[in-house]
Structure formats: structure tokens, C-alpha cells
Protein backbone atom coordinates (compact mmCIF):
# COMPACT_ATOMS: atom_id res chain seq x y z
CA MET A 1 0.00 0.00 0.00
CA LYS A 2 1.38 3.41 -0.93
CA TYR A 3 0.96 6.47 1.23
CA LEU A 4 -1.83 8.51 -0.34
CA ARG A 5 -1.31 12.22 0.17
CA THR A 6 -4.16 13.61 -1.92
CA GLY A 7 -7.51 14.34 -0.36
CA MET A 8 -9.33 11.96 -2.73
CA GLY A 9 -6.82 9.19 -2.07
CA LEU A 10 -7.20 9.54 1.67
CA PHE A 11 -11.00 9.57 1.35
CA PHE A 12 -10.86 6.32 -0.63
CA LEU A 13 -8.55 4.71 1.89
CA LEU A 14 -10.82 5.53 4.80
CA PHE A 15 -13.80 3.76 3.32
CA ALA A 16 -12.27 1.08 1.08
CA SER A 17 -12.56 -1.76 3.58
CA GLN A 18 -16.09 -3.13 3.98
CA SER A 19 -15.07 -4.80 7.25
CA TYR A 20 -14.92 -1.43 8.90
CA ALA A 21 -17.85 0.40 7.31
CA GLN A 22 -19.89 2.46 9.75
CA THR A 23 -23.39 3.83 10.02
CA PRO A 24 -23.87 7.16 11.79
CA SER A 25 -25.98 5.58 14.53
CA GLN A 26 -22.97 3.62 15.78
CA VAL A 27 -20.87 6.70 16.54
CA PRO A 28 -20.98 7.62 20.25
CA SER A 29 -22.07 11.11 21.23
CA VAL A 30 -19.36 13.64 22.14
CA GLN A 31 -19.36 16.85 24.19
CA LEU A 32 -16.46 19.30 23.97
CA SER A 33 -15.29 22.01 26.33
CA ALA A 34 -14.15 25.42 25.14
CA THR A 35 -10.75 25.21 23.45
CA PHE A 36 -7.47 26.22 25.07
CA PRO A 37 -3.80 26.11 23.95
CA GLU A 38 -2.24 22.69 23.50
CA PRO A 39 -0.54 21.70 26.79
CA GLY A 40 3.22 22.07 26.77
CA GLU A 41 5.72 20.20 28.87
CA GLY A 42 4.48 18.73 32.09
CA PHE A 43 1.73 16.26 32.87
CA ASP A 44 -2.04 16.17 32.39
CA LYS A 45 -4.76 14.04 33.98
CA ILE A 46 -8.57 14.03 33.86
CA LEU A 47 -10.71 12.60 36.66
CA LEU A 48 -14.43 11.81 36.45
CA LEU A 49 -15.63 12.41 40.00
CA PRO A 50 -18.43 10.25 41.45
CA GLY A 51 -20.69 13.28 42.06
CA GLY A 52 -20.70 14.18 38.35
CA ASN A 53 -17.99 16.85 38.18
CA THR A 54 -14.88 16.52 36.03
CA CYS A 55 -11.43 17.69 37.12
CA TYR A 56 -8.73 18.42 34.56
CA LEU A 57 -5.25 18.71 36.11
CA HIS A 58 -2.26 20.25 34.36
CA PHE A 59 1.09 19.99 36.14
CA ASP A 60 3.18 22.98 35.12
CA LYS A 61 6.69 23.69 36.37
CA LYS A 62 5.96 27.42 36.57
CA GLN A 63 2.35 27.51 37.80
CA GLY A 64 2.35 24.33 39.87
CA ILE A 65 -0.83 22.25 39.57
CA VAL A 66 -3.63 23.95 37.63
CA ALA A 67 -7.03 22.37 38.42
CA SER A 68 -9.96 23.11 36.09
CA LEU A 69 -13.39 21.90 37.23
CA TYR A 70 -16.48 21.21 35.09
CA ASP A 71 -19.97 20.38 36.37
CA ALA A 72 -22.17 17.43 35.37
CA LYS A 73 -23.45 19.41 32.35
CA ARG A 74 -19.81 20.01 31.28
CA ALA A 75 -19.95 23.75 32.08
CA PRO A 76 -16.87 25.37 33.69
CA LEU A 77 -16.99 25.59 37.49
CA ALA A 78 -13.61 26.91 38.63
CA THR A 79 -9.90 27.10 37.87
CA GLU A 80 -7.33 27.03 40.66
CA ALA A 81 -3.51 27.08 40.71
CA VAL A 82 -2.35 24.81 43.54
CA LYS A 83 0.95 25.38 45.30
CA GLY A 84 1.67 23.72 48.60
CA GLN A 85 3.96 24.50 51.51
CA LEU A 86 5.60 21.07 51.82
CA TRP A 87 6.46 20.19 48.23
CA ASP A 88 8.34 22.25 45.63
CA ALA A 89 6.03 23.26 42.77
CA SER A 90 9.03 24.44 40.73
CA GLY A 91 10.61 20.97 40.81
CA LEU A 92 8.25 19.29 38.34
CA ASN A 93 11.10 17.94 36.22
CA ASP A 94 12.26 15.89 39.21
CA THR A 95 8.83 14.97 40.58
CA GLU A 96 7.32 11.50 40.39
CA ILE A 97 3.55 11.13 40.56
CA ASP A 98 2.59 7.92 42.36
CA GLY A 99 -1.18 8.17 42.00
CA ILE A 100 -4.11 10.46 41.22
CA PHE A 101 -7.49 9.23 42.49
CA ALA A 102 -11.06 10.34 43.12
CA ILE A 103 -11.87 9.59 46.79
CA ASN A 104 -14.99 10.91 48.54
CA ASP A 105 -15.59 13.23 45.57
CA GLN A 106 -12.21 14.81 46.24
CA VAL A 107 -9.11 14.79 44.05
CA VAL A 108 -6.24 13.06 45.86
CA ILE A 109 -2.71 13.36 44.47
CA PHE A 110 0.32 11.41 45.67
CA LEU A 111 3.61 12.89 44.53
CA GLN A 112 7.23 12.16 45.35
CA GLN A 113 10.21 14.49 45.42
CA LEU A 114 13.84 14.24 46.49
CA VAL A 115 14.81 16.33 49.52
CA LYS A 116 18.56 16.18 50.17
CA TYR A 117 18.67 12.94 48.13
CA LYS A 118 15.90 11.34 50.19
CA PRO A 119 12.57 10.45 48.51
CA ASN A 120 9.61 12.13 50.26
CA LEU A 121 5.96 11.22 49.61
CA TYR A 122 3.29 13.93 49.81
CA ARG A 123 -0.50 13.67 49.71
CA LEU A 124 -2.54 16.58 48.35
CA ILE A 125 -6.32 16.67 48.78
CA LEU A 126 -8.25 19.04 46.49
CA ASP A 127 -11.89 20.09 46.75
CA GLY A 128 -13.91 18.43 43.98
CA SER A 129 -15.92 21.59 43.22
CA THR A 130 -13.39 24.41 43.55
CA GLY A 131 -10.01 22.74 43.04
CA LYS A 132 -8.67 24.44 46.17
CA LEU A 133 -6.13 22.67 48.35
CA VAL A 134 -7.96 21.17 51.35
CA LYS A 135 -5.04 19.41 53.02
CA GLU A 136 -1.38 18.65 52.41
CA ASP A 137 0.56 15.95 54.24
CA LYS A 138 3.96 14.33 54.17
CA LEU A 139 3.33 10.59 54.41
CA GLY A 140 6.85 9.24 54.51
CA GLU A 141 10.55 9.49 53.79
CA LEU A 142 12.99 6.89 52.46
CA PRO A 143 16.76 6.62 53.01
CA THR A 144 19.11 8.36 50.60
CA VAL A 145 19.24 7.27 46.97
CA LEU A 146 23.05 7.52 47.04
CA HIS A 147 23.48 3.94 48.25
CA ARG A 148 24.33 1.37 45.60
CA ASP A 149 21.40 -0.36 43.85
CA VAL A 150 20.88 -4.09 44.22
CA ALA A 151 19.83 -6.11 41.15
CA VAL A 152 19.30 -9.88 40.99
CA GLN A 153 18.32 -11.60 37.74
CA ASP A 154 17.43 -8.18 36.25
CA ASN A 155 15.08 -7.56 39.19
CA PHE A 156 15.98 -4.36 41.05
CA ALA A 157 15.34 -4.12 44.78
CA SER A 158 12.72 -1.37 44.98
CA HIS A 159 13.60 1.98 46.52
CA ASP A 160 10.33 3.79 46.02
CA PHE A 161 6.82 4.58 47.24
CA HIS A 162 3.78 2.82 45.78
CA VAL A 163 0.08 3.61 46.23
CA SER A 164 -2.94 1.38 45.54
CA LEU A 165 -6.65 2.28 45.83
CA ASP A 166 -9.78 0.18 46.12
CA ALA A 167 -11.94 2.44 43.96
CA GLY A 168 -15.16 0.81 45.14
CA THR A 169 -14.63 1.64 48.83
CA GLY A 170 -12.09 4.49 48.92
CA TYR A 171 -9.64 2.55 51.12
CA TYR A 172 -6.02 2.73 50.00
CA ALA A 173 -2.53 1.62 50.98
CA VAL A 174 0.94 3.11 50.74
CA ALA A 175 3.98 0.85 50.43
CA ALA A 176 7.39 2.35 51.30
CA PHE A 177 10.27 0.23 49.95
CA ALA A 178 13.89 0.89 50.93
CA GLY A 179 16.03 -1.02 48.47
CA GLY A 180 19.60 0.22 48.38
CA GLU A 181 22.46 -1.95 49.54
CA LEU A 182 22.02 -2.88 53.22
CA GLN A 183 23.95 -0.67 55.61
CA ARG A 184 25.67 -1.92 58.74
CA LYS A 185 22.93 -0.87 61.18
CA GLU A 186 19.98 -1.72 58.91
CA SER A 187 17.70 -4.71 59.40
CA PRO A 188 16.07 -6.40 56.38
CA ALA A 189 12.93 -6.81 58.51
CA GLU A 190 12.42 -3.04 58.75
CA ARG A 191 13.04 -1.91 55.19
CA VAL A 192 9.48 -2.14 53.82
CA GLN A 193 6.48 -0.57 55.54
CA ILE A 194 2.80 -0.88 54.56
CA SER A 195 0.27 1.76 55.68
CA HIS A 196 -3.50 1.26 55.36
CA TYR A 197 -5.81 4.31 55.10
CA GLY A 198 -9.58 4.76 55.14
CA PRO A 199 -11.60 6.93 52.72
CA ASP A 200 -11.40 9.72 55.33
CA HIS A 201 -7.58 9.64 54.85
CA GLN A 202 -6.99 8.51 58.43
CA LEU A 203 -4.33 5.89 59.09
CA ILE A 204 -5.95 2.59 60.12
CA ARG A 205 -2.88 0.41 60.65
CA GLN A 206 0.78 0.25 59.76
CA ARG A 207 3.29 -2.59 59.74
CA TYR A 208 6.71 -3.59 58.49
CA PHE A 209 6.71 -6.18 55.72
CA THR A 210 9.23 -8.92 55.00
CA VAL A 211 9.06 -12.34 53.36
CA ALA A 212 12.07 -14.17 54.85
CA GLU A 213 14.73 -11.64 55.75
CA ASN A 214 17.51 -14.16 56.18
CA ASP A 215 16.96 -15.95 52.87
CA TYR A 216 15.72 -12.93 50.88
CA PRO A 217 17.00 -9.66 52.38
CA TYR A 218 15.91 -7.62 49.33
CA LEU A 219 12.47 -7.19 47.78
CA ALA A 220 11.26 -5.88 44.43
CA TYR A 221 7.75 -4.43 44.38
CA LEU A 222 5.51 -5.97 41.71
CA ASP A 223 1.92 -5.00 42.60
CA MET A 224 -0.42 -4.22 45.49
CA LEU A 225 -4.19 -4.72 45.82
CA VAL A 226 -6.48 -3.27 48.50
CA SER A 227 -9.77 -4.97 49.40
CA GLY A 228 -11.66 -2.36 51.43
CA GLY A 229 -10.70 -2.21 55.09
CA ASP A 230 -10.23 -5.98 55.30
CA LYS A 231 -7.18 -7.06 53.30
CA ILE A 232 -4.07 -5.86 51.54
CA TYR A 233 -2.45 -8.15 48.97
CA LEU A 234 1.15 -7.68 47.86
CA ALA A 235 3.21 -9.26 45.08
CA THR A 236 6.99 -9.01 45.39
CA ALA A 237 10.09 -10.60 43.96
CA ALA A 238 12.13 -11.98 46.88
CA LEU A 239 15.83 -11.50 46.10
CA ASN A 240 19.08 -12.96 47.37
CA ASN A 241 22.26 -11.44 45.92
CA SER A 242 24.70 -13.83 47.56
CA ARG A 243 24.00 -17.19 45.97
CA LYS A 244 27.05 -19.42 45.55
CA SER A 245 25.79 -21.62 42.71
CA SER A 246 23.71 -20.97 39.61
CA LYS A 247 21.35 -23.64 40.93
CA ASP A 248 20.69 -21.69 44.11
CA THR A 249 17.49 -19.68 44.30
CA SER A 250 18.28 -16.00 43.88
CA ALA A 251 14.81 -14.71 42.95
CA LEU A 252 11.25 -15.92 43.11
CA VAL A 253 7.74 -14.45 43.37
CA ALA A 254 6.07 -14.10 46.77
CA LEU A 255 2.35 -13.37 47.17
CA SER A 256 1.31 -12.00 50.55
CA VAL A 257 -1.87 -10.98 52.38
CA TRP A 258 -2.47 -8.88 55.50
CA GLY A 259 -5.94 -9.50 56.91
CA LYS A 260 -7.91 -7.28 59.25
CA GLY A 261 -7.02 -8.01 62.88
CA GLU A 262 -3.93 -10.02 61.91
CA ASN A 263 -0.51 -9.09 63.27
CA ASN A 264 1.52 -10.53 60.41
CA PHE A 265 1.44 -11.09 56.68
CA ASN A 266 0.81 -14.59 55.33
CA HIS A 267 2.93 -15.60 52.35
CA THR A 268 2.81 -18.02 49.45
CA LEU A 269 5.99 -18.57 47.44
CA LEU A 270 5.75 -19.69 43.82
CA PRO A 271 8.63 -22.17 43.30
CA TYR A 272 8.11 -22.38 39.54
CA THR A 273 9.23 -18.73 39.29
CA THR A 274 12.70 -19.54 40.66
CA ASN A 275 15.34 -17.32 39.04
CA PHE A 276 12.88 -15.71 36.63
CA THR A 277 14.30 -12.46 35.27
CA ASP A 278 12.70 -9.02 34.88
CA LEU A 279 9.51 -9.93 36.74
CA HIS A 280 6.21 -8.02 36.56
CA ALA A 281 2.83 -8.84 38.11
CA SER A 282 -0.81 -7.79 38.25
CA LEU A 283 -3.23 -8.78 41.04
CA GLN A 284 -7.02 -8.93 40.74
CA TYR A 285 -9.59 -10.00 43.36
CA VAL A 286 -12.74 -11.88 42.27
CA SER A 287 -15.39 -11.55 44.98
CA GLY A 288 -17.80 -13.97 43.32
CA THR A 289 -15.37 -16.87 43.70
CA ASN A 290 -13.26 -15.46 46.57
CA THR A 291 -10.22 -15.91 44.34
CA LEU A 292 -7.04 -13.92 43.87
CA GLN A 293 -5.77 -13.87 40.29
CA ALA A 294 -2.09 -13.10 39.72
CA LEU A 295 -0.67 -12.54 36.25
CA ILE A 296 3.13 -12.85 36.23
CA THR A 297 5.45 -12.04 33.32
CA THR A 298 9.15 -12.71 32.90
CA ALA A 299 11.75 -11.94 30.26
CA ASN A 300 13.34 -15.37 30.78
CA ASN A 301 11.71 -18.40 32.40
CA GLN A 302 15.01 -20.34 32.35
CA THR A 303 13.68 -23.17 30.15
CA ALA A 304 16.35 -22.84 27.46
CA LYS A 305 19.83 -21.45 26.88
CA ALA A 306 18.39 -18.45 25.08
CA PRO A 307 15.97 -16.18 27.03
CA VAL A 308 12.34 -17.31 26.77
CA PRO A 309 9.74 -14.61 27.64
CA ALA A 310 6.64 -16.04 29.26
CA ALA A 311 3.52 -15.15 31.24
CA TYR A 312 1.56 -17.20 33.77
CA ILE A 313 -1.92 -16.80 35.28
CA ASN A 314 -2.26 -17.99 38.88
CA TYR A 315 -5.45 -18.73 40.86
CA LEU A 316 -5.28 -18.63 44.66
CA ASP A 317 -7.74 -18.81 47.53
CA ALA A 318 -8.18 -15.15 48.52
CA GLY A 319 -8.34 -16.01 52.23
CA THR A 320 -5.50 -18.48 52.70
CA LEU A 321 -3.46 -17.77 49.53
CA ALA A 322 -3.40 -21.51 48.80
CA LEU A 323 -2.42 -21.93 45.15
CA ASN A 324 -5.29 -23.69 43.39
CA SER A 325 -3.72 -23.77 39.93
CA TYR A 326 -1.55 -21.90 37.46
CA THR A 327 -1.05 -22.12 33.73
CA ALA A 328 1.08 -20.52 31.04
CA LEU A 329 -0.67 -17.77 29.12
CA HIS A 330 -1.35 -18.65 25.48
CA SER A 331 -2.48 -16.49 22.58
CA ASP A 332 -3.35 -19.12 19.98
CA LYS A 333 -6.74 -17.52 19.28
CA ILE A 334 -5.10 -14.15 18.60
CA THR A 335 -2.58 -15.87 16.33
CA ALA A 336 -5.36 -17.58 14.35
CA PHE A 337 -7.16 -14.26 13.95
CA ALA A 338 -3.95 -12.46 12.95
CA GLN A 339 -3.07 -15.08 10.35
CA GLU A 340 -6.54 -14.92 8.86
CA LYS A 341 -7.23 -11.18 9.06
CA MET A 342 -3.87 -9.42 9.51
CA LYS A 343 -1.63 -11.40 7.11
CA TYR A 344 0.55 -12.85 9.85
CA THR A 345 2.74 -15.78 8.86
CA SER A 346 4.12 -16.39 12.36
CA PRO A 347 2.57 -16.48 15.85
CA TYR A 348 1.38 -13.31 17.55
CA ASN A 349 3.97 -12.45 20.21
CA GLY A 350 2.41 -9.59 22.17
CA GLN A 351 3.19 -9.02 25.83
CA PRO A 352 0.51 -8.61 28.52
CA GLN A 353 -0.41 -5.05 29.37
CA ALA A 354 -3.37 -5.60 31.71
CA LEU A 355 -5.36 -8.26 33.54
CA ILE A 356 -9.12 -7.65 33.86
CA ALA A 357 -10.93 -10.15 36.09
CA HIS A 358 -14.69 -10.73 35.85
CA ALA A 359 -17.23 -11.69 38.51
CA ASP A 360 -17.50 -15.32 37.35
CA GLY A 361 -13.73 -15.88 37.52
CA SER A 362 -13.10 -15.47 33.80
CA SER A 363 -10.69 -12.78 32.67
CA THR A 364 -9.54 -10.62 29.79
CA ILE A 365 -5.85 -10.14 28.98
CA LEU A 366 -4.86 -7.04 27.01
CA MET A 367 -1.69 -7.44 24.98
CA GLU A 368 0.59 -5.38 22.77
CA SER A 369 3.52 -6.29 20.51
CA MET A 370 6.56 -4.64 22.10
CA SER A 371 10.24 -4.61 21.19
CA ILE A 372 13.08 -2.37 22.39
CA PHE A 373 15.77 -1.04 20.08
CA ALA A 374 18.57 1.52 20.13
CA SER A 375 18.91 4.28 17.56
CA THR A 376 22.25 5.00 15.94
CA GLY A 377 24.18 8.24 15.75
CA SER A 378 25.87 10.36 18.37
CA ASN A 379 23.26 13.12 18.20
CA SER A 380 20.39 11.01 19.50
CA TRP A 381 18.97 12.62 22.66
CA ASN A 382 17.48 9.33 23.78
CA LYS A 383 18.90 6.27 22.08
CA MET A 384 16.52 3.70 23.54
CA HIS A 385 13.08 3.28 21.92
CA THR A 386 10.18 0.86 22.10
CA ASN A 387 8.04 -0.36 19.22
CA LEU A 388 4.41 -0.46 20.39
CA ASN A 389 2.72 -2.44 17.66
CA ASP A 390 -0.34 -4.65 17.10
CA ILE A 391 -3.01 -5.02 19.79
CA GLY A 392 -4.16 -8.41 21.06
CA VAL A 393 -7.16 -9.25 23.26
CA THR A 394 -7.65 -12.74 24.66
CA GLU A 395 -10.52 -14.08 26.79
CA LEU A 396 -9.82 -16.76 29.41
CA ASP A 397 -12.20 -18.97 31.35
CA ALA A 398 -11.99 -19.38 35.13
CA ARG A 399 -9.16 -21.93 34.75
CA GLY A 400 -7.00 -19.80 32.44
CA ARG A 401 -7.91 -21.57 29.20
CA GLU A 402 -8.13 -19.31 26.14
CA GLN A 403 -11.67 -19.09 24.80
CA SER A 404 -11.41 -16.42 22.09
CA GLY A 405 -9.10 -13.70 20.85
CA TYR A 406 -8.62 -11.03 18.22
CA GLY A 407 -6.10 -8.40 17.13
CA LEU A 408 -5.92 -4.91 15.66
CA VAL A 409 -3.22 -3.32 13.53
CA LYS A 410 -1.22 -0.56 15.23
CA MET A 411 2.32 0.73 14.77
CA GLN A 412 3.94 3.30 17.10
CA VAL A 413 7.44 4.17 18.30
CA ALA A 414 7.96 5.44 21.85
CA ASN A 415 11.00 7.23 23.19
CA GLY A 416 12.50 5.32 26.10
CA THR A 417 11.72 1.78 27.22
CA TYR A 418 8.29 0.40 28.08
CA GLU A 419 7.73 -2.61 30.31
CA PRO A 420 4.92 -5.21 30.38
CA LEU A 421 1.76 -4.41 32.38
CA TYR A 422 2.22 -0.72 31.65
CA PHE A 423 -1.57 -0.16 31.70
CA GLN A 424 -1.99 -0.67 35.43
CA ARG A 425 0.60 2.00 36.14
CA ARG A 426 -0.97 4.44 33.67
CA LYS A 427 -4.43 3.85 35.13
CA LYS A 428 -3.20 5.02 38.54
CA GLY A 429 -1.90 8.23 37.01
CA GLN A 430 1.72 7.28 37.67
CA TRP A 431 4.14 9.53 35.83
CA ILE A 432 7.76 10.62 35.63
CA PHE A 433 9.25 13.26 33.35
CA ARG A 434 10.45 11.10 30.44
CA ASN A 435 11.57 13.79 27.99
CA ARG A 436 12.63 17.36 28.57
CA ILE A 437 12.39 17.99 24.81
CA GLN A 438 8.70 18.60 24.16
CA VAL A 439 8.61 17.29 20.58
CA LEU A 440 9.84 13.92 21.86
CA ASN A 441 7.39 13.72 24.74
CA THR A 442 4.83 11.55 22.95
CA THR A 443 4.48 9.11 25.87
CA PRO A 444 0.90 10.03 26.91
CA TYR A 445 -0.37 9.71 23.32
CA LEU A 446 0.85 6.15 22.73
CA SER A 447 -0.41 2.60 23.33
CA TYR A 448 -4.21 2.28 23.54
CA ASP A 449 -7.30 2.50 25.74
CA TYR A 450 -9.67 -0.44 26.25
CA LEU A 451 -13.23 0.59 27.18
CA PRO A 452 -15.75 -2.19 27.90
CA THR A 453 -19.48 -1.43 27.95
CA ALA A 454 -22.60 -3.58 28.15
CA LYS A 455 -23.15 -3.73 24.38
CA ALA A 456 -19.64 -3.47 22.97
CA THR A 457 -16.00 -2.83 23.78
CA TYR A 458 -14.25 0.22 22.35
CA ILE A 459 -10.52 0.35 21.65
CA ILE A 460 -8.99 3.77 21.04
CA PHE A 461 -5.50 4.70 19.86
CA ASN A 462 -3.56 7.23 17.79
CA ASP A 463 -1.85 6.20 14.58
CA TYR A 464 -0.96 7.31 11.07
CA LEU A 465 -4.32 6.93 9.42
CA ALA A 466 -3.08 5.87 5.98
CA TYR A 467 -1.49 2.74 7.44
CA LEU A 468 -4.39 1.42 9.47
CA ASP A 469 -6.08 -0.49 6.66
CA GLN A 470 -5.53 -4.20 7.25
CA GLY A 471 -5.00 -4.94 3.56
CA GLY A 472 -1.41 -3.74 3.71
CA THR A 473 1.72 -5.60 4.71
CA PHE A 474 4.10 -4.88 7.55
CA THR A 475 6.72 -3.38 5.23
CA ASP A 476 4.16 -0.92 3.86
CA LYS A 477 3.54 0.65 7.25
CA LYS A 478 5.08 3.77 8.66
CA PRO A 479 5.21 3.89 12.46
CA MET A 480 3.70 6.81 14.35
CA ARG A 481 6.67 8.47 15.99
CA TYR A 482 5.60 12.11 16.08
CA LEU A 483 2.17 13.70 16.40
CA THR A 484 2.24 15.83 13.25
CA GLU A 485 0.19 13.31 11.25
CA ALA A 486 -1.54 11.35 14.02
CA ASN A 487 -5.29 10.74 14.20
CA THR A 488 -7.44 9.04 16.81
CA VAL A 489 -9.14 5.86 15.66
CA CYS A 490 -11.75 3.88 17.55
CA TYR A 491 -12.80 0.28 17.01
CA ARG A 492 -16.17 -0.99 18.20
CA CYS A 493 -15.58 -4.64 19.08
CA THR A 494 -18.32 -7.25 19.48
CA PRO A 495 -18.37 -11.05 19.17
CA THR A 496 -19.29 -10.60 15.50
CA GLY A 497 -16.29 -8.45 14.59
CA GLN A 498 -14.46 -5.14 14.85
CA GLU A 499 -15.77 -1.97 13.23
CA ARG A 500 -13.75 1.20 12.73
CA LEU A 501 -15.19 4.62 13.47
CA PHE A 502 -14.03 8.18 14.10
CA LEU A 503 -15.23 9.74 17.34
CA PHE A 504 -14.58 13.36 16.40
CA GLY A 505 -15.43 13.38 12.69
CA THR A 506 -13.65 12.07 9.62
CA PRO A 507 -10.07 13.39 9.35
CA GLU A 508 -9.12 15.38 6.28
CA THR A 509 -5.80 15.90 4.54
CA PHE A 510 -4.83 18.95 6.61
CA LYS A 511 -7.18 18.51 9.57
CA GLY A 512 -7.15 15.83 12.20
CA TYR A 513 -7.79 14.91 15.80
CA TYR A 514 -5.74 13.00 18.34
CA CYS A 515 -6.10 12.26 22.04
CA MET A 516 -3.84 12.31 25.07
CA LEU A 517 -4.65 8.78 26.24
CA GLY A 518 -2.49 9.10 29.34
CA ALA A 519 -4.76 11.92 30.58
CA SER A 520 -8.00 9.99 30.03
CA ASP A 521 -10.47 8.56 32.52
CA PHE A 522 -13.31 6.07 32.07
CA ASP A 523 -16.42 5.52 34.17
CA GLU A 524 -17.51 2.03 33.16
CA LYS A 525 -20.79 2.16 35.10
CA LYS A 526 -21.91 5.35 33.32
CA GLY A 527 -20.24 4.47 30.02
CA THR A 528 -18.46 7.85 29.96
CA TYR A 529 -14.95 8.35 28.62
CA ALA A 530 -13.18 11.68 29.13
CA THR A 531 -10.00 12.58 27.32
CA LEU A 532 -7.89 15.52 26.22
CA MET A 533 -8.44 16.05 22.49
CA ILE A 534 -6.06 18.01 20.28
CA THR A 535 -7.46 19.46 17.04
CA ARG A 536 -4.88 20.00 14.30
CA LYS A 537 -5.76 22.30 11.39
CA GLY A 538 -2.70 22.98 9.30
CA GLU A 539 -0.07 24.30 11.71
CA GLU A 540 -2.63 25.42 14.29
CA LYS A 541 -3.35 23.19 17.30
CA LYS A 542 -5.98 23.62 19.99
CA ALA A 543 -6.97 21.44 22.92
CA CYS A 544 -10.22 20.73 24.71
CA VAL A 545 -11.71 18.23 27.13
CA ALA A 546 -13.89 15.68 25.29
CA TRP A 547 -16.60 13.61 26.98
CA VAL A 548 -17.63 10.54 24.98
CA LYS A 549 -20.81 8.66 25.84
CA LEU A 550 -20.29 5.05 24.79
């Protein structure tokens, strides 16, 4: 397929494929705010508050945090510039955001900054109607970052704060991991602390966490799950950096639970994960079956001389953490679809990006083809890049067996490296300043959003429009690396197929629309998706908040 630059050629390309023909009734309704300049460097996040208001946050290194509020009818309510007393609003370039959540109809921001080389975690609570700062707290401080890092099997001992929210109840937990090389007076048993908070932001309980400090003095954080005021689940990689033989266990996954009224954590070790490298995990609780699901990925499962990437889905009793079963994750159904519809000649090799558990114990795994490469030349500002290519969606039954799957064509290039299960971090609003050169800061526009509703599932992403038609071949495609020619595309997915549509109108040769996916929020119960939309007309760009009713 050739790149068609003429208006007529582009028009033909958009509607040539019958598989993706649309009728106007299938296009969701959209409301737009008044336009404003395209956001520059910094970070942006939209929150749909339970009471109906919408909060749009822009983190600016000069103004601090700018909060814009809209009411349930999408009319402007207030705009407030937030600057606190405890944290440095001018230090945005060196600030890490560990979570942005809607709790009790308030906007709650967890951000981390270095103070004399020591990570400090701050909690900011904003009023959900005015955007004004209600309360500001320092929740913790870690030892200096100047101590040497510890890495075992490409698993780094965590030296960081992590926050997890139970969105249904408003309870949340903060995990403080100290992970540098152990100092003479330090005890491995007092290097990780878990704090449990209620929806009123009051501390309920606090306890040090360790798996087996003598055998595994270092821990790598993988994931944390809060179940109301009753339980906190934690997934870690237990690390030992002093093994004497390659057969000794130096790393393995530990799953832990801290129940209400219990003094200690209960642990389950997963022996099959022994010496797995570059581990990642996602935890999901299924109330209908009282089951904990744990999806674990590794860059090398040690089954061959060459590295073998793999993923495993585990099913445990949510009360005792007894392992009921586990199985390797397969994507044969996606491969069959890709070979039939997407001209694949080899298996689909996407990596898991998210685990979505359902009430009956079944689950959906979201996948994405990812590969890391280095650019050549001495003038490259950032030499490491990640290909974020074709989408895969697989449906599993309650025992982890693949029931169905499909794929969608996508081709993007991200600056920097991306890791598996990136979605769960983006959903929490986690962010670090990846690029100080604005034209390269495409991070929040890449990957995709998966939006399930009662009648259909919608998948949204930005791409070069001329290369989205599935009749082409891989060599015909041009990856989306910059935003100058990007357009937002949406697929409406049902058991009968995938249909392409354009949420904001059909793009033209010199006019298009793209979305900041990293700023988006989705209320599944109301079927409302809110995102930051950029309109491009020639060289002119304007932004607005877009509410999409799916």
C-alpha cells in the first residue's frame, strides 16, 4: 500500500474496507469544552468524579498544579492554581507522581520528590468543586538514593513509594520500599512498611513487611491490591544477591496478604518462578469466587539457553493464599485471527499489558507487541526506543484456558523503554518526566485505551491513518513516531467483529484529531470516557476536554 497524500486518495482509503464500514448511529455522542492552547511540557490528567464533576489537572513547572473543574453538564466551574507548603512546585522535572485518584468526591494526588537525596511522599487533597487545596501531608521518607542499587536476575530491589486504591470503597494503601544496599545498622525486617488508610484519609494500621529476611534480604515491588478495610495483597520478587551456585534460588515471586485483625502477613511462594528475570505482576480480586488472580510475566523463564519470555496466570484462595492452579498464558486464538485477518505468517507475540478479572472468575488479557531497540548516531537525545505495535485481546475462562481472541493493527514508536503491564501503572496516574524535549514527549499519546461497555468494547489509539487499513503488509507501514500526522481511531468490538469509526469526525488531509490517552479517565458504570483532544488544522493546534458517551 502506498501512502496517499491527496484528499481523494485519503478519502478512498478511509472507506475502502467493507469490514470497517460504519453507520452514523454507531458513533458515540461527544461533548467538547471550550478550546485552550495545547498543553506544553508537564503532565495532564482528567478525573471523572463520582458526584458528576470533572477535574482536569495540568502539572506545570511554573504555575504548579492547575485544576480546572467542570460540572455534570460540562460547564466550567472553577480554575485554581495549587501550590503547597511542603512540596516544591518548581521541581516538576524531578517529581514523580505515584497516584491520582477520586476519593470521597475529592481529588487526591500522591507525589514524590527528592529532599537532600531522600525520597519524600506527599498527599494533596483538592476540593472536587473548587479545586482548592484542602489538606497537604507528608506521608513518609525513604533513606538516601546515594546507596548502591541491588539487582538480581534483572530484578531491582525497589527503593520507592507505591500507592494502591480500592476504587469501590475508597480505602487505599501506601507501600514504602527501601532497596539500596544494606547498611551496617539496617535490618532487612524493617526496610518495607505498609500503611492502610480509610476513605477519610486517616491511618488505620501500619506494619513492616518482610518475606524471609535471612533468605531474601531484598524485595522488588511488583503490585499491590487493597480490598476495602479488610485485606491488603502484595506481590513481590524476593531477592538474594549472595547465591554461591547458579542452581541456588536468587529470585522468586512471593504473594502476601495482611488481613484485618492479623498481626503478620501470610505468604505463598511460587517455586516455579525460581530465578525468573525481569519480573512483573498484576493482582485482581474476584469476589464472586473469593479468588485472587495473579498474572506474572518474565523476560526469561530459564527453560532454554536463550531467554524465553513467558507469562503465567495464577489462581489462589483469597483467604489463605493456597495456590489452586496456574497455567502458562497462550495467545493461539489471537494468532489464528492475525493469520486470517492481519496477514501474519508467524505467531502473535504480544506481551501482557493488563489483567481484567470478571465476577465469574473469567478474565480478559490485554496485549501489545513490544520490542526495544537503540537508535544509531551520536546526536540522538534518547537512544533507547520501544516499538508499540499490534493489539491483542484474549478471553480466558476461570481456569485460564483461552476461549477467544482477536487483534488490531497498530504501529507506534515510543522514546524510552516500556515494560509489560504498563496499563496498570498508567491507570493510577503514575508519571515521571520522560523527555525534557517537548517534541519527543509523545508518551501520553501512545499505546491504547480499552473501554468495555454492556453492548460493545471500544478500543482507542492514535496512529498514522493511511497505514491502518488491514490490507497492507508490515513493510508498507510507517510507524507513528511524532504527532504531526496522528489521528485518533476507535474500534467498536463485538463477538461478530471489529468496526472502525471516528469519534470526532472524519479526518481530512490537513485537519485531524488526536487524544492524550495518558490523561483519560473512564467511568464504566456510566459508560463515559473523558480525554484531552487536540485538534490540528494545518499548523494550528488547539486542545479541549472531550466527553464521549459510549
